[in-house]
C-alpha atoms as a PDB file:
ATOM      1  CA  MET A   1       0.992  28.148 -42.875  1.00  0.00           C
ATOM      2  CA  GLU A   2      -2.192  29.907 -43.954  1.00  0.00           C
ATOM      3  CA  ILE A   3      -0.894  33.187 -42.504  1.00  0.00           C
ATOM      4  CA  GLY A   4       2.454  32.755 -44.295  1.00  0.00           C
ATOM      5  CA  ASN A   5       0.648  31.978 -47.565  1.00  0.00           C
ATOM      6  CA  PHE A   6      -1.495  35.102 -47.148  1.00  0.00           C
ATOM      7  CA  VAL A   7       1.499  37.377 -46.536  1.00  0.00           C
ATOM      8  CA  LEU A   8       3.540  35.852 -49.359  1.00  0.00           C
ATOM      9  CA  ASN A   9       0.618  36.009 -51.773  1.00  0.00           C
ATOM     10  CA  LYS A  10       0.217  39.736 -51.068  1.00  0.00           C
ATOM     11  CA  ILE A  11       3.892  40.278 -51.873  1.00  0.00           C
ATOM     12  CA  LEU A  12       4.112  37.972 -54.914  1.00  0.00           C
ATOM     13  CA  SER A  13       0.696  38.507 -56.487  1.00  0.00           C
ATOM     14  CA  PRO A  14       1.824  41.374 -58.786  1.00  0.00           C
ATOM     15  CA  LYS A  15       3.576  38.715 -60.889  1.00  0.00           C
ATOM     16  CA  GLY A  16       0.647  36.294 -60.582  1.00  0.00           C
ATOM     17  CA  ILE A  17       2.450  33.946 -58.201  1.00  0.00           C
ATOM     18  CA  ILE A  18       0.139  32.364 -55.639  1.00  0.00           C
ATOM     19  CA  VAL A  19       0.962  29.793 -52.952  1.00  0.00           C
ATOM     20  CA  SER A  20      -2.190  27.820 -52.234  1.00  0.00           C
ATOM     21  CA  ASN A  21      -0.737  24.575 -50.900  1.00  0.00           C
ATOM     22  CA  ASN A  22      -1.676  23.669 -47.333  1.00  0.00           C
ATOM     23  CA  ILE A  23      -1.718  19.958 -46.605  1.00  0.00           C
ATOM     24  CA  PHE A  24      -2.233  20.773 -42.930  1.00  0.00           C
ATOM     25  CA  MET A  25      -5.896  21.613 -43.627  1.00  0.00           C
ATOM     26  CA  THR A  26      -6.407  18.164 -45.161  1.00  0.00           C
ATOM     27  CA  LEU A  27      -4.691  16.479 -42.227  1.00  0.00           C
ATOM     28  CA  ALA A  28      -6.708  18.531 -39.713  1.00  0.00           C
ATOM     29  CA  LEU A  29      -9.958  17.542 -41.427  1.00  0.00           C
ATOM     30  CA  GLY A  30      -8.948  13.870 -41.450  1.00  0.00           C
ATOM     31  CA  LEU A  31      -8.007  14.034 -37.768  1.00  0.00           C
ATOM     32  CA  THR A  32     -11.302  15.766 -36.918  1.00  0.00           C
ATOM     33  CA  ILE A  33     -13.290  13.029 -38.672  1.00  0.00           C
ATOM     34  CA  ILE A  34     -11.325  10.289 -36.887  1.00  0.00           C
ATOM     35  CA  ASN A  35     -11.772  12.031 -33.514  1.00  0.00           C
ATOM     36  CA  LEU A  36     -15.522  12.299 -34.043  1.00  0.00           C
ATOM     37  CA  LEU A  37     -15.664   8.581 -34.840  1.00  0.00           C
ATOM     38  CA  GLU A  38     -13.553   7.751 -31.778  1.00  0.00           C
ATOM     39  CA  PHE A  39     -15.663   9.960 -29.479  1.00  0.00           C
ATOM     40  CA  SER A  40     -18.801   8.282 -30.819  1.00  0.00           C
ATOM     41  CA  LYS A  41     -17.600   4.912 -29.504  1.00  0.00           C
ATOM     42  CA  ASP A  42     -17.917   6.057 -25.879  1.00  0.00           C
ATOM     43  CA  SER A  43     -21.081   8.143 -26.322  1.00  0.00           C
ATOM     44  CA  GLN A  44     -24.723   7.467 -25.596  1.00  0.00           C
ATOM     45  CA  ASN A  45     -27.091   6.471 -28.388  1.00  0.00           C
ATOM     46  CA  LYS A  46     -28.274   9.900 -29.692  1.00  0.00           C
ATOM     47  CA  LEU A  47     -24.874  11.542 -29.263  1.00  0.00           C
ATOM     48  CA  LYS A  48     -23.161   8.506 -30.808  1.00  0.00           C
ATOM     49  CA  TRP A  49     -25.204   8.788 -33.989  1.00  0.00           C
ATOM     50  CA  GLY A  50     -24.941  12.576 -34.029  1.00  0.00           C
ATOM     51  CA  LEU A  51     -21.132  12.382 -33.934  1.00  0.00           C
ATOM     52  CA  ARG A  52     -21.078   9.729 -36.663  1.00  0.00           C
ATOM     53  CA  ILE A  53     -23.410  11.743 -38.889  1.00  0.00           C
ATOM     54  CA  LEU A  54     -21.279  14.851 -38.329  1.00  0.00           C
ATOM     55  CA  ALA A  55     -18.163  12.875 -39.313  1.00  0.00           C
ATOM     56  CA  ILE A  56     -19.873  11.705 -42.516  1.00  0.00           C
ATOM     57  CA  VAL A  57     -21.070  15.237 -43.297  1.00  0.00           C
ATOM     58  CA  LEU A  58     -17.497  16.558 -42.938  1.00  0.00           C
ATOM     59  CA  ILE A  59     -16.023  14.100 -45.476  1.00  0.00           C
ATOM     60  CA  PRO A  60     -17.097  16.109 -48.567  1.00  0.00           C
ATOM     61  CA  LEU A  61     -15.284  19.158 -47.149  1.00  0.00           C
ATOM     62  CA  GLY A  62     -12.161  17.297 -48.260  1.00  0.00           C
ATOM     63  CA  LEU A  63     -12.935  18.528 -51.764  1.00  0.00           C
ATOM     64  CA  LEU A  64     -12.079  22.025 -50.518  1.00  0.00           C
ATOM     65  CA  THR A  65      -8.664  20.999 -49.182  1.00  0.00           C
ATOM     66  CA  GLU A  66      -5.402  20.408 -51.011  1.00  0.00           C
ATOM     67  CA  GLY A  67      -5.326  16.620 -50.997  1.00  0.00           C
ATOM     68  CA  GLY A  68      -8.874  15.868 -49.947  1.00  0.00           C
ATOM     69  CA  ILE A  69     -10.251  13.879 -52.852  1.00  0.00           C
ATOM     70  CA  ALA A  70      -7.493  11.299 -52.390  1.00  0.00           C
ATOM     71  CA  LEU A  71      -6.203  11.833 -48.863  1.00  0.00           C
ATOM     72  CA  ILE A  72      -9.426  11.917 -46.840  1.00  0.00           C
ATOM     73  CA  PRO A  73     -10.427   8.461 -48.167  1.00  0.00           C
ATOM     74  CA  PHE A  74      -6.787   7.326 -47.705  1.00  0.00           C
ATOM     75  CA  ILE A  75      -6.866   8.484 -44.068  1.00  0.00           C
ATOM     76  CA  LEU A  76     -10.190   6.723 -43.481  1.00  0.00           C
ATOM     77  CA  ILE A  77      -8.986   3.471 -45.062  1.00  0.00           C
ATOM     78  CA  THR A  78      -5.898   3.618 -42.848  1.00  0.00           C
ATOM     79  CA  TYR A  79      -8.087   4.254 -39.780  1.00  0.00           C
ATOM     80  CA  PHE A  80     -10.756   1.614 -40.416  1.00  0.00           C
ATOM     81  CA  PHE A  81      -8.351  -1.154 -41.436  1.00  0.00           C
ATOM     82  CA  ARG A  82      -5.508  -0.441 -39.003  1.00  0.00           C
ATOM     83  CA  GLY A  83      -4.018  -3.678 -37.794  1.00  0.00           C
ATOM     84  CA  ASN A  84      -5.018  -5.554 -40.947  1.00  0.00           C
ATOM     85  CA  MET A  85      -2.468  -4.813 -43.658  1.00  0.00           C
ATOM     86  CA  LYS A  86      -4.179  -7.024 -46.239  1.00  0.00           C
ATOM     87  CA  LYS A  87      -7.472  -5.091 -45.980  1.00  0.00           C
ATOM     88  CA  THR A  88      -5.586  -1.796 -45.906  1.00  0.00           C
ATOM     89  CA  ILE A  89      -3.752  -2.565 -49.152  1.00  0.00           C
ATOM     90  CA  ILE A  90      -6.973  -3.783 -50.782  1.00  0.00           C
ATOM     91  CA  GLY A  91      -8.613  -0.503 -49.713  1.00  0.00           C
ATOM     92  CA  TYR A  92      -5.726   1.548 -51.129  1.00  0.00           C
ATOM     93  CA  SER A  93      -5.900  -0.454 -54.373  1.00  0.00           C
ATOM     94  CA  ILE A  94      -9.641   0.137 -54.748  1.00  0.00           C
ATOM     95  CA  LEU A  95      -9.150   3.840 -54.002  1.00  0.00           C
ATOM     96  CA  SER A  96      -6.365   4.064 -56.609  1.00  0.00           C
ATOM     97  CA  ILE A  97      -8.526   2.350 -59.227  1.00  0.00           C
ATOM     98  CA  LEU A  98     -11.449   4.696 -58.491  1.00  0.00           C
ATOM     99  CA  LEU A  99      -9.167   7.744 -58.690  1.00  0.00           C
ATOM    100  CA  PHE A 100      -7.758   6.487 -61.999  1.00  0.00           C
ATOM    101  CA  ILE A 101     -11.253   5.978 -63.418  1.00  0.00           C
ATOM    102  CA  MET A 102     -12.262   9.468 -62.250  1.00  0.00           C
ATOM    103  CA  SER A 103      -9.216  11.145 -63.810  1.00  0.00           C
ATOM    104  CA  PHE A 104      -8.704   9.178 -67.029  1.00  0.00           C
ATOM    105  CA  GLN A 105      -9.626  10.842 -70.298  1.00  0.00           C
ATOM    106  CA  GLN A 106      -8.535   9.492 -73.663  1.00  0.00           C
ATOM    107  CA  MET A 107      -6.676  12.320 -75.391  1.00  0.00           C
ATOM    108  CA  ASP A 108      -5.723  12.731 -79.049  1.00  0.00           C
ATOM    109  CA  THR A 109      -2.257  11.218 -78.592  1.00  0.00           C
ATOM    110  CA  LEU A 110      -0.621   8.833 -76.151  1.00  0.00           C
ATOM    111  CA  GLU A 111       1.742  11.606 -75.054  1.00  0.00           C
ATOM    112  CA  MET A 112      -1.181  13.929 -74.267  1.00  0.00           C
ATOM    113  CA  THR A 113      -2.916  11.131 -72.356  1.00  0.00           C
ATOM    114  CA  ILE A 114       0.201  10.452 -70.278  1.00  0.00           C
ATOM    115  CA  ASN A 115       0.636  14.174 -69.590  1.00  0.00           C
ATOM    116  CA  MET A 116      -2.994  14.371 -68.464  1.00  0.00           C
ATOM    117  CA  LEU A 117      -2.484  11.396 -66.140  1.00  0.00           C
ATOM    118  CA  MET A 118       0.662  12.932 -64.672  1.00  0.00           C
ATOM    119  CA  PHE A 119      -1.287  16.134 -63.977  1.00  0.00           C
ATOM    120  CA  ASN A 120      -4.182  14.123 -62.451  1.00  0.00           C
ATOM    121  CA  SER A 121      -1.884  11.745 -60.595  1.00  0.00           C
ATOM    122  CA  ASP A 122      -3.814  11.086 -57.371  1.00  0.00           C
ATOM    123  CA  PHE A 123      -4.301   7.454 -58.459  1.00  0.00           C
ATOM    124  CA  LEU A 124      -0.543   6.935 -58.003  1.00  0.00           C
ATOM    125  CA  LEU A 125      -1.020   6.891 -54.220  1.00  0.00           C
ATOM    126  CA  ILE A 126      -0.784   3.114 -54.584  1.00  0.00           C
ATOM    127  CA  LEU A 127       2.990   3.642 -54.887  1.00  0.00           C
ATOM    128  CA  VAL A 128       3.197   4.274 -51.129  1.00  0.00           C
ATOM    129  CA  VAL A 129       2.295   0.639 -50.356  1.00  0.00           C
ATOM    130  CA  PRO A 130       5.900  -0.678 -50.521  1.00  0.00           C
ATOM    131  CA  PHE A 131       6.980   2.023 -48.052  1.00  0.00           C
ATOM    132  CA  ILE A 132       4.095   1.230 -45.721  1.00  0.00           C
ATOM    133  CA  LEU A 133       5.078  -2.447 -45.854  1.00  0.00           C
ATOM    134  CA  LEU A 134       8.625  -1.494 -44.841  1.00  0.00           C
ATOM    135  CA  TYR A 135       7.371   0.199 -41.646  1.00  0.00           C
ATOM    136  CA  ASN A 136       8.381  -1.904 -38.651  1.00  0.00           C
ATOM    137  CA  GLY A 137       5.729  -0.514 -36.301  1.00  0.00           C
ATOM    138  CA  GLU A 138       8.232   1.289 -34.087  1.00  0.00           C
ATOM    139  CA  ARG A 139       8.322   5.006 -33.457  1.00  0.00           C
ATOM    140  CA  GLY A 140      11.315   6.792 -34.934  1.00  0.00           C
ATOM    141  CA  PRO A 141      13.677   9.083 -33.046  1.00  0.00           C
ATOM    142  CA  ASN A 142      11.752  11.302 -30.650  1.00  0.00           C
ATOM    143  CA  ASN A 143      13.523  14.646 -30.399  1.00  0.00           C
ATOM    144  CA  LYS A 144      12.495  18.247 -31.047  1.00  0.00           C
ATOM    145  CA  PHE A 145      14.350  18.386 -34.375  1.00  0.00           C
ATOM    146  CA  ASN A 146      12.480  15.389 -35.801  1.00  0.00           C
ATOM    147  CA  LYS A 147       9.216  16.516 -34.231  1.00  0.00           C
ATOM    148  CA  TYR A 148       9.183  19.879 -36.003  1.00  0.00           C
ATOM    149  CA  LEU A 149      11.267  19.158 -39.113  1.00  0.00           C
ATOM    150  CA  PHE A 150       8.380  18.634 -41.525  1.00  0.00           C
ATOM    151  CA  TYR A 151       6.104  21.199 -39.901  1.00  0.00           C
ATOM    152  CA  VAL A 152       8.786  23.747 -40.749  1.00  0.00           C
ATOM    153  CA  PHE A 153      10.224  22.205 -43.935  1.00  0.00           C
ATOM    154  CA  TYR A 154       6.907  21.788 -45.760  1.00  0.00           C
ATOM    155  CA  PRO A 155       5.816  25.451 -45.741  1.00  0.00           C
ATOM    156  CA  LEU A 156       9.366  26.829 -46.024  1.00  0.00           C
ATOM    157  CA  HIS A 157      10.224  24.876 -49.151  1.00  0.00           C
ATOM    158  CA  LEU A 158       6.978  25.958 -50.858  1.00  0.00           C
ATOM    159  CA  TRP A 159       7.561  29.575 -49.900  1.00  0.00           C
ATOM    160  CA  LEU A 160      11.168  29.401 -51.083  1.00  0.00           C
ATOM    161  CA  LEU A 161      10.105  27.959 -54.447  1.00  0.00           C
ATOM    162  CA  ALA A 162       7.537  30.744 -54.858  1.00  0.00           C
ATOM    163  CA  ILE A 163      10.149  33.385 -54.036  1.00  0.00           C
ATOM    164  CA  ILE A 164      12.573  31.847 -56.546  1.00  0.00           C
ATOM    165  CA  GLU A 165       9.828  31.878 -59.190  1.00  0.00           C
ATOM    166  CA  TYR A 166       9.149  35.539 -58.371  1.00  0.00           C
ATOM    167  CA  VAL A 167      12.834  36.464 -58.671  1.00  0.00           C
ATOM    168  CA  ILE A 168      13.411  34.685 -61.999  1.00  0.00           C
ATOM    169  CA  SER A 169      10.138  35.786 -63.646  1.00  0.00           C
END
């Protein structure tokens, strides 16, 4: 996706259109942190603590990724509380409250305040809880189409929207 963004940005930049979205970087960072924590479980004492410290040091890199300030903590809550839905939902709720507190600013009017909150909407991640509760724990259909659908759809739809913006501007 990063290569596609680079190429498209070179083409579209004369009109100031930039595609910077790349959720895959956030997911890769979250997976790296989880893997370091998992590897630390089977490691000897010095290596165990080295891997854990490295995982902790990587967490702030989430601020450099698309969804990091909300998604890296979300990923870690999901990882640490897997198997205990009550603790997971409490963790998501606390995260949502913290994100709301971090993003809230009283504006001159209610409309301006709501617009600001819709722009800084990471706290709304709590809205995924009903969908998580609907998950039955079973893997969905396992075929190549389903496997690659979102890996292809996610970048393509962003690129298509950027191209449409370029054409109409």
